[in-house]
């Protein structure tokens, strides 16, 4: 099977490693623009793809680049940890890895909302369609969220779970490309970057339930990123939390 891979970050590297360990043929590789790259050099090296088959793909993908990808005649396009929405000419043959237990927490920051809303956390492999994280589900794996979890620990659990899920699913997907089930849209939740940003500022004069405030603080604790803050004498005072069981 000829694979065109669109990959970034730690999980993109792990998927690339697994494909190469299985002697799969990666015919081309798409990477993010420089400012959004994570472990890109490692992914390129692991893929074994020549420099003429490595494409920098931004938000507005040019038709000429789409034609180059199509000319490679991939049997499947794998999209792993990709930040941009793809054009229809590509997504029709493109399974995607999502850091969410779909249909819950579609959109941005799926590691945060299980803490805030109590929805299931996990990871999913699904086909891409014209919506955002709405395509048919190939496989998914739930991860537990404990009261001592933060946004960072949930994220790390999701990374580990996706590596396992991909390894468990790849051979089956390779043999039966059409394995999938429809999402239960009536259960879906969706969040935007604006929803995430609304959690940043704690209002000292606002009334919060204690558990709601704890959940907001731990959901936004993700070093090295800035946590929640409140304003005092014209300055931002940042608050992160550290939780443990006794």
C-alpha atoms as a PDB file:
ATOM      1  CA  UNK A   1       0.000   0.000   0.000  1.00  0.00           C
ATOM      2  CA  UNK A   2       1.318   3.436  -0.982  1.00  0.00           C
ATOM      3  CA  UNK A   3       0.925   5.993   1.820  1.00  0.00           C
ATOM      4  CA  UNK A   4       1.043   9.768   1.688  1.00  0.00           C
ATOM      5  CA  UNK A   5       1.634  10.959   5.240  1.00  0.00           C
ATOM      6  CA  UNK A   6       0.728  14.346   6.716  1.00  0.00           C
ATOM      7  CA  UNK A   7       2.281  14.353  10.175  1.00  0.00           C
ATOM      8  CA  UNK A   8       3.505  16.501  13.035  1.00  0.00           C
ATOM      9  CA  UNK A   9       4.469  16.287  16.698  1.00  0.00           C
ATOM     10  CA  UNK A  10       5.321  13.290  18.875  1.00  0.00           C
ATOM     11  CA  UNK A  11       2.431  11.146  17.749  1.00  0.00           C
ATOM     12  CA  UNK A  12       3.219  11.888  14.095  1.00  0.00           C
ATOM     13  CA  UNK A  13       6.726  10.574  14.752  1.00  0.00           C
ATOM     14  CA  UNK A  14       5.390   7.439  16.463  1.00  0.00           C
ATOM     15  CA  UNK A  15       3.034   6.720  13.557  1.00  0.00           C
ATOM     16  CA  UNK A  16       5.914   7.171  11.109  1.00  0.00           C
ATOM     17  CA  UNK A  17       8.089   4.796  13.135  1.00  0.00           C
ATOM     18  CA  UNK A  18       5.352   2.163  13.189  1.00  0.00           C
ATOM     19  CA  UNK A  19       4.792   2.384   9.443  1.00  0.00           C
ATOM     20  CA  UNK A  20       8.495   1.990   8.731  1.00  0.00           C
ATOM     21  CA  UNK A  21       8.767  -0.911  11.189  1.00  0.00           C
ATOM     22  CA  UNK A  22       6.019  -2.607   9.171  1.00  0.00           C
ATOM     23  CA  UNK A  23       7.948  -1.898   5.935  1.00  0.00           C
ATOM     24  CA  UNK A  24       5.139   0.267   4.588  1.00  0.00           C
ATOM     25  CA  UNK A  25       5.825   2.422   1.534  1.00  0.00           C
ATOM     26  CA  UNK A  26       5.612   6.147   2.335  1.00  0.00           C
ATOM     27  CA  UNK A  27       5.566   7.823  -1.087  1.00  0.00           C
ATOM     28  CA  UNK A  28       5.367  11.406   0.159  1.00  0.00           C
ATOM     29  CA  UNK A  29       5.295  13.497   3.305  1.00  0.00           C
ATOM     30  CA  UNK A  30       3.584  16.769   4.157  1.00  0.00           C
ATOM     31  CA  UNK A  31       4.863  18.944   7.009  1.00  0.00           C
ATOM     32  CA  UNK A  32       3.708  22.187   8.569  1.00  0.00           C
ATOM     33  CA  UNK A  33       5.259  25.586   7.864  1.00  0.00           C
ATOM     34  CA  UNK A  34       8.346  26.231   9.976  1.00  0.00           C
ATOM     35  CA  UNK A  35       6.597  28.211  12.721  1.00  0.00           C
ATOM     36  CA  UNK A  36       4.242  25.301  13.458  1.00  0.00           C
ATOM     37  CA  UNK A  37       6.685  22.397  13.131  1.00  0.00           C
ATOM     38  CA  UNK A  38       7.211  19.935  15.976  1.00  0.00           C
ATOM     39  CA  UNK A  39       9.741  17.089  15.599  1.00  0.00           C
ATOM     40  CA  UNK A  40       9.590  17.595  11.848  1.00  0.00           C
ATOM     41  CA  UNK A  41      13.236  16.796  11.157  1.00  0.00           C
ATOM     42  CA  UNK A  42      12.870  13.551  13.085  1.00  0.00           C
ATOM     43  CA  UNK A  43       9.715  12.635  11.141  1.00  0.00           C
ATOM     44  CA  UNK A  44      11.422  13.337   7.813  1.00  0.00           C
ATOM     45  CA  UNK A  45      14.452  11.244   8.755  1.00  0.00           C
ATOM     46  CA  UNK A  46      12.348   8.351  10.037  1.00  0.00           C
ATOM     47  CA  UNK A  47      10.106   8.368   6.943  1.00  0.00           C
ATOM     48  CA  UNK A  48      13.032   7.835   4.578  1.00  0.00           C
ATOM     49  CA  UNK A  49      11.307  10.101   2.040  1.00  0.00           C
ATOM     50  CA  UNK A  50      13.576  12.050  -0.318  1.00  0.00           C
ATOM     51  CA  UNK A  51      13.611  15.840  -0.097  1.00  0.00           C
ATOM     52  CA  UNK A  52      11.766  16.113  -3.430  1.00  0.00           C
ATOM     53  CA  UNK A  53       8.815  14.264  -1.889  1.00  0.00           C
ATOM     54  CA  UNK A  54       8.594  16.380   1.284  1.00  0.00           C
ATOM     55  CA  UNK A  55       6.023  19.171   0.935  1.00  0.00           C
ATOM     56  CA  UNK A  56       5.488  22.166   3.216  1.00  0.00           C
ATOM     57  CA  UNK A  57       1.710  22.541   3.372  1.00  0.00           C
ATOM     58  CA  UNK A  58       0.010  25.602   4.831  1.00  0.00           C
ATOM     59  CA  UNK A  59      -3.623  26.529   5.395  1.00  0.00           C
ATOM     60  CA  UNK A  60      -4.289  27.463   1.771  1.00  0.00           C
ATOM     61  CA  UNK A  61      -2.979  24.462  -0.126  1.00  0.00           C
ATOM     62  CA  UNK A  62      -2.316  25.252  -3.773  1.00  0.00           C
ATOM     63  CA  UNK A  63      -3.954  23.230  -6.537  1.00  0.00           C
ATOM     64  CA  UNK A  64      -0.546  22.507  -8.078  1.00  0.00           C
ATOM     65  CA  UNK A  65       0.538  20.875  -4.804  1.00  0.00           C
ATOM     66  CA  UNK A  66      -2.649  18.799  -4.673  1.00  0.00           C
ATOM     67  CA  UNK A  67      -1.864  17.600  -8.193  1.00  0.00           C
ATOM     68  CA  UNK A  68       1.667  16.621  -7.134  1.00  0.00           C
ATOM     69  CA  UNK A  69       0.251  14.571  -4.271  1.00  0.00           C
ATOM     70  CA  UNK A  70      -2.318  12.914  -6.529  1.00  0.00           C
ATOM     71  CA  UNK A  71       0.414  12.103  -9.058  1.00  0.00           C
ATOM     72  CA  UNK A  72       2.188  10.058  -6.380  1.00  0.00           C
ATOM     73  CA  UNK A  73      -0.854   7.744  -6.590  1.00  0.00           C
ATOM     74  CA  UNK A  74      -1.207   7.023  -2.871  1.00  0.00           C
ATOM     75  CA  UNK A  75      -3.654   4.319  -1.888  1.00  0.00           C
ATOM     76  CA  UNK A  76      -4.331   6.205   1.314  1.00  0.00           C
ATOM     77  CA  UNK A  77      -3.525   9.563   2.918  1.00  0.00           C
ATOM     78  CA  UNK A  78      -2.885   9.491   6.658  1.00  0.00           C
ATOM     79  CA  UNK A  79      -3.358  12.744   8.544  1.00  0.00           C
ATOM     80  CA  UNK A  80      -1.795  12.796  12.011  1.00  0.00           C
ATOM     81  CA  UNK A  81      -1.787  15.841  14.302  1.00  0.00           C
ATOM     82  CA  UNK A  82      -2.571  18.208  11.426  1.00  0.00           C
ATOM     83  CA  UNK A  83      -3.659  21.771  12.189  1.00  0.00           C
ATOM     84  CA  UNK A  84      -5.398  22.653   8.906  1.00  0.00           C
ATOM     85  CA  UNK A  85      -8.683  21.663   7.281  1.00  0.00           C
ATOM     86  CA  UNK A  86      -8.041  19.804   4.019  1.00  0.00           C
ATOM     87  CA  UNK A  87      -9.737  20.391   0.644  1.00  0.00           C
ATOM     88  CA  UNK A  88     -12.284  17.843  -0.505  1.00  0.00           C
ATOM     89  CA  UNK A  89      -9.993  16.568  -3.236  1.00  0.00           C
ATOM     90  CA  UNK A  90      -7.729  15.161  -0.514  1.00  0.00           C
ATOM     91  CA  UNK A  91      -9.955  14.263   2.395  1.00  0.00           C
ATOM     92  CA  UNK A  92     -12.030  11.727   0.490  1.00  0.00           C
ATOM     93  CA  UNK A  93      -9.196   9.213   0.957  1.00  0.00           C
ATOM     94  CA  UNK A  94      -7.776  10.602   4.188  1.00  0.00           C
ATOM     95  CA  UNK A  95      -8.248   8.943   7.577  1.00  0.00           C
ATOM     96  CA  UNK A  96      -7.312  11.257  10.429  1.00  0.00           C
ATOM     97  CA  UNK A  97      -6.156  10.831  13.997  1.00  0.00           C
ATOM     98  CA  UNK A  98      -8.019  12.955  16.545  1.00  0.00           C
ATOM     99  CA  UNK A  99      -7.108  13.668  20.159  1.00  0.00           C
ATOM    100  CA  UNK A 100     -10.713  13.305  21.229  1.00  0.00           C
ATOM    101  CA  UNK A 101     -13.181  10.534  22.007  1.00  0.00           C
ATOM    102  CA  UNK A 102     -15.521  11.476  19.183  1.00  0.00           C
ATOM    103  CA  UNK A 103     -18.243  12.600  18.933  1.00  0.00           C
ATOM    104  CA  UNK A 104     -17.330  14.350  22.194  1.00  0.00           C
ATOM    105  CA  UNK A 105     -15.075  17.419  22.187  1.00  0.00           C
ATOM    106  CA  UNK A 106     -14.845  18.091  18.497  1.00  0.00           C
ATOM    107  CA  UNK A 107     -12.724  21.090  17.592  1.00  0.00           C
ATOM    108  CA  UNK A 108     -10.083  22.709  19.794  1.00  0.00           C
ATOM    109  CA  UNK A 109      -8.405  21.592  23.034  1.00  0.00           C
ATOM    110  CA  UNK A 110     -10.078  18.193  23.566  1.00  0.00           C
ATOM    111  CA  UNK A 111      -7.822  17.585  26.577  1.00  0.00           C
ATOM    112  CA  UNK A 112      -9.494  20.457  28.462  1.00  0.00           C
ATOM    113  CA  UNK A 113     -13.226  19.892  28.128  1.00  0.00           C
ATOM    114  CA  UNK A 114     -13.403  16.477  29.807  1.00  0.00           C
ATOM    115  CA  UNK A 115     -12.117  18.256  32.931  1.00  0.00           C
ATOM    116  CA  UNK A 116     -14.518  21.186  32.582  1.00  0.00           C
ATOM    117  CA  UNK A 117     -17.624  19.337  31.403  1.00  0.00           C
ATOM    118  CA  UNK A 118     -17.115  15.749  32.506  1.00  0.00           C
ATOM    119  CA  UNK A 119     -17.318  14.419  28.936  1.00  0.00           C
ATOM    120  CA  UNK A 120     -15.325  11.313  27.943  1.00  0.00           C
ATOM    121  CA  UNK A 121     -11.672  11.830  27.042  1.00  0.00           C
ATOM    122  CA  UNK A 122      -9.790   9.718  24.570  1.00  0.00           C
ATOM    123  CA  UNK A 123      -8.529   9.422  21.021  1.00  0.00           C
ATOM    124  CA  UNK A 124     -10.031   8.448  17.700  1.00  0.00           C
ATOM    125  CA  UNK A 125      -9.184   7.467  14.159  1.00  0.00           C
ATOM    126  CA  UNK A 126     -11.802   8.673  11.723  1.00  0.00           C
ATOM    127  CA  UNK A 127     -12.338   9.553   8.090  1.00  0.00           C
ATOM    128  CA  UNK A 128     -12.294  13.218   7.135  1.00  0.00           C
ATOM    129  CA  UNK A 129     -15.423  14.769   5.694  1.00  0.00           C
ATOM    130  CA  UNK A 130     -16.540  18.365   5.115  1.00  0.00           C
ATOM    131  CA  UNK A 131     -17.233  18.982   8.815  1.00  0.00           C
ATOM    132  CA  UNK A 132     -14.856  19.403  11.752  1.00  0.00           C
ATOM    133  CA  UNK A 133     -14.178  16.003  13.354  1.00  0.00           C
ATOM    134  CA  UNK A 134     -17.514  14.688  12.060  1.00  0.00           C
ATOM    135  CA  UNK A 135     -16.365  11.837   9.813  1.00  0.00           C
ATOM    136  CA  UNK A 136     -17.088   8.157  10.290  1.00  0.00           C
ATOM    137  CA  UNK A 137     -15.200   6.512  13.138  1.00  0.00           C
ATOM    138  CA  UNK A 138     -12.624   3.823  12.351  1.00  0.00           C
ATOM    139  CA  UNK A 139     -11.594   3.142  15.952  1.00  0.00           C
ATOM    140  CA  UNK A 140     -11.413   4.974  19.288  1.00  0.00           C
ATOM    141  CA  UNK A 141     -10.014   4.483  22.765  1.00  0.00           C
ATOM    142  CA  UNK A 142     -11.164   6.156  25.973  1.00  0.00           C
ATOM    143  CA  UNK A 143      -8.720   7.348  28.636  1.00  0.00           C
ATOM    144  CA  UNK A 144      -9.603   7.870  32.314  1.00  0.00           C
ATOM    145  CA  UNK A 145      -9.687  11.386  33.752  1.00  0.00           C
ATOM    146  CA  UNK A 146      -9.005  11.614  37.479  1.00  0.00           C
ATOM    147  CA  UNK A 147      -9.556  14.486  39.888  1.00  0.00           C
ATOM    148  CA  UNK A 148      -5.769  14.999  40.057  1.00  0.00           C
ATOM    149  CA  UNK A 149      -5.395  15.324  36.284  1.00  0.00           C
ATOM    150  CA  UNK A 150      -4.508  18.602  34.610  1.00  0.00           C
ATOM    151  CA  UNK A 151      -4.772  19.686  31.003  1.00  0.00           C
ATOM    152  CA  UNK A 152      -1.212  18.464  30.513  1.00  0.00           C
ATOM    153  CA  UNK A 153      -1.643  15.030  32.081  1.00  0.00           C
ATOM    154  CA  UNK A 154      -4.819  14.364  30.078  1.00  0.00           C
ATOM    155  CA  UNK A 155      -2.963  15.414  26.914  1.00  0.00           C
ATOM    156  CA  UNK A 156      -0.099  13.039  27.722  1.00  0.00           C
ATOM    157  CA  UNK A 157      -2.556  10.200  28.332  1.00  0.00           C
ATOM    158  CA  UNK A 158      -4.117  10.904  24.947  1.00  0.00           C
ATOM    159  CA  UNK A 159      -0.736  10.799  23.207  1.00  0.00           C
ATOM    160  CA  UNK A 160       0.069   7.420  24.718  1.00  0.00           C
ATOM    161  CA  UNK A 161      -3.397   6.087  23.901  1.00  0.00           C
ATOM    162  CA  UNK A 162      -3.220   7.176  20.270  1.00  0.00           C
ATOM    163  CA  UNK A 163       0.058   5.365  19.705  1.00  0.00           C
ATOM    164  CA  UNK A 164      -1.559   2.173  21.018  1.00  0.00           C
ATOM    165  CA  UNK A 165      -4.761   2.734  19.042  1.00  0.00           C
ATOM    166  CA  UNK A 166      -2.915   3.257  15.771  1.00  0.00           C
ATOM    167  CA  UNK A 167      -0.825   0.113  16.212  1.00  0.00           C
ATOM    168  CA  UNK A 168      -3.951  -1.903  17.055  1.00  0.00           C
ATOM    169  CA  UNK A 169      -5.920  -0.512  14.107  1.00  0.00           C
ATOM    170  CA  UNK A 170      -3.478  -0.091  11.239  1.00  0.00           C
ATOM    171  CA  UNK A 171      -3.369  -3.681   9.988  1.00  0.00           C
ATOM    172  CA  UNK A 172      -7.146  -3.906   9.950  1.00  0.00           C
ATOM    173  CA  UNK A 173      -7.523  -0.532   8.233  1.00  0.00           C
ATOM    174  CA  UNK A 174      -4.964  -1.558   5.644  1.00  0.00           C
ATOM    175  CA  UNK A 175      -6.929  -4.689   4.745  1.00  0.00           C
ATOM    176  CA  UNK A 176     -10.419  -3.179   4.942  1.00  0.00           C
ATOM    177  CA  UNK A 177     -10.329   0.519   4.087  1.00  0.00           C
ATOM    178  CA  UNK A 178     -14.072   0.917   4.551  1.00  0.00           C
ATOM    179  CA  UNK A 179     -14.328  -0.191   8.190  1.00  0.00           C
ATOM    180  CA  UNK A 180     -16.153   2.592  10.032  1.00  0.00           C
ATOM    181  CA  UNK A 181     -19.277   3.556  11.944  1.00  0.00           C
ATOM    182  CA  UNK A 182     -21.256   6.771  11.874  1.00  0.00           C
ATOM    183  CA  UNK A 183     -20.865   9.167  14.776  1.00  0.00           C
ATOM    184  CA  UNK A 184     -23.725   9.676  17.231  1.00  0.00           C
ATOM    185  CA  UNK A 185     -24.215  13.336  16.419  1.00  0.00           C
ATOM    186  CA  UNK A 186     -26.859  13.807  19.105  1.00  0.00           C
ATOM    187  CA  UNK A 187     -24.126  13.261  21.718  1.00  0.00           C
ATOM    188  CA  UNK A 188     -21.582  15.571  20.143  1.00  0.00           C
ATOM    189  CA  UNK A 189     -19.910  18.558  21.786  1.00  0.00           C
ATOM    190  CA  UNK A 190     -17.813  21.180  20.017  1.00  0.00           C
ATOM    191  CA  UNK A 191     -15.460  23.935  21.149  1.00  0.00           C
ATOM    192  CA  UNK A 192     -13.514  26.741  19.538  1.00  0.00           C
ATOM    193  CA  UNK A 193     -10.326  28.594  20.441  1.00  0.00           C
ATOM    194  CA  UNK A 194     -12.529  31.383  21.781  1.00  0.00           C
ATOM    195  CA  UNK A 195     -14.134  28.946  24.234  1.00  0.00           C
ATOM    196  CA  UNK A 196     -10.669  27.977  25.437  1.00  0.00           C
ATOM    197  CA  UNK A 197      -9.554  31.588  25.813  1.00  0.00           C
ATOM    198  CA  UNK A 198     -12.660  32.340  27.905  1.00  0.00           C
ATOM    199  CA  UNK A 199     -11.206  30.119  30.647  1.00  0.00           C
ATOM    200  CA  UNK A 200      -8.023  32.164  31.054  1.00  0.00           C
ATOM    201  CA  UNK A 201      -9.101  34.977  33.357  1.00  0.00           C
ATOM    202  CA  UNK A 202     -10.411  34.336  36.858  1.00  0.00           C
ATOM    203  CA  UNK A 203     -12.642  37.162  38.081  1.00  0.00           C
ATOM    204  CA  UNK A 204     -11.983  37.844  41.801  1.00  0.00           C
ATOM    205  CA  UNK A 205     -15.467  39.274  42.330  1.00  0.00           C
ATOM    206  CA  UNK A 206     -17.263  36.464  40.515  1.00  0.00           C
ATOM    207  CA  UNK A 207     -18.895  33.626  42.445  1.00  0.00           C
ATOM    208  CA  UNK A 208     -17.680  30.143  41.512  1.00  0.00           C
ATOM    209  CA  UNK A 209     -18.566  26.765  42.879  1.00  0.00           C
ATOM    210  CA  UNK A 210     -15.382  25.444  44.435  1.00  0.00           C
ATOM    211  CA  UNK A 211     -15.259  22.392  42.157  1.00  0.00           C
ATOM    212  CA  UNK A 212     -15.832  24.526  39.056  1.00  0.00           C
ATOM    213  CA  UNK A 213     -12.941  26.816  39.961  1.00  0.00           C
ATOM    214  CA  UNK A 214     -10.680  23.840  40.716  1.00  0.00           C
ATOM    215  CA  UNK A 215     -11.558  22.307  37.352  1.00  0.00           C
ATOM    216  CA  UNK A 216     -10.844  25.534  35.472  1.00  0.00           C
ATOM    217  CA  UNK A 217      -7.462  25.926  37.170  1.00  0.00           C
ATOM    218  CA  UNK A 218      -6.367  22.346  36.567  1.00  0.00           C
ATOM    219  CA  UNK A 219      -7.615  22.304  32.973  1.00  0.00           C
ATOM    220  CA  UNK A 220      -5.404  25.308  32.186  1.00  0.00           C
ATOM    221  CA  UNK A 221      -2.320  23.946  33.982  1.00  0.00           C
ATOM    222  CA  UNK A 222      -0.077  22.885  31.114  1.00  0.00           C
ATOM    223  CA  UNK A 223       3.546  23.902  31.473  1.00  0.00           C
ATOM    224  CA  UNK A 224       5.202  25.762  29.753  1.00  0.00           C
ATOM    225  CA  UNK A 225       2.008  27.492  28.586  1.00  0.00           C
ATOM    226  CA  UNK A 226       0.529  30.250  30.713  1.00  0.00           C
ATOM    227  CA  UNK A 227      -2.142  29.060  33.170  1.00  0.00           C
ATOM    228  CA  UNK A 228      -5.162  31.019  34.405  1.00  0.00           C
ATOM    229  CA  UNK A 229      -4.637  34.482  35.827  1.00  0.00           C
ATOM    230  CA  UNK A 230      -6.407  37.219  37.753  1.00  0.00           C
ATOM    231  CA  UNK A 231      -5.760  40.955  37.668  1.00  0.00           C
ATOM    232  CA  UNK A 232      -4.264  42.724  40.683  1.00  0.00           C
ATOM    233  CA  UNK A 233      -3.078  46.344  40.658  1.00  0.00           C
ATOM    234  CA  UNK A 234      -3.021  46.312  36.883  1.00  0.00           C
ATOM    235  CA  UNK A 235      -0.865  43.189  36.644  1.00  0.00           C
ATOM    236  CA  UNK A 236      -1.664  39.602  35.674  1.00  0.00           C
ATOM    237  CA  UNK A 237      -1.147  37.132  38.504  1.00  0.00           C
ATOM    238  CA  UNK A 238      -0.864  33.600  37.146  1.00  0.00           C
ATOM    239  CA  UNK A 239      -2.230  30.559  38.962  1.00  0.00           C
ATOM    240  CA  UNK A 240      -1.300  26.936  38.302  1.00  0.00           C
ATOM    241  CA  UNK A 241      -2.154  23.969  40.474  1.00  0.00           C
ATOM    242  CA  UNK A 242      -0.407  20.822  41.629  1.00  0.00           C
ATOM    243  CA  UNK A 243      -2.604  17.985  42.777  1.00  0.00           C
ATOM    244  CA  UNK A 244      -1.817  14.697  44.465  1.00  0.00           C
ATOM    245  CA  UNK A 245      -3.592  11.885  46.263  1.00  0.00           C
ATOM    246  CA  UNK A 246      -2.758  10.819  49.816  1.00  0.00           C
END
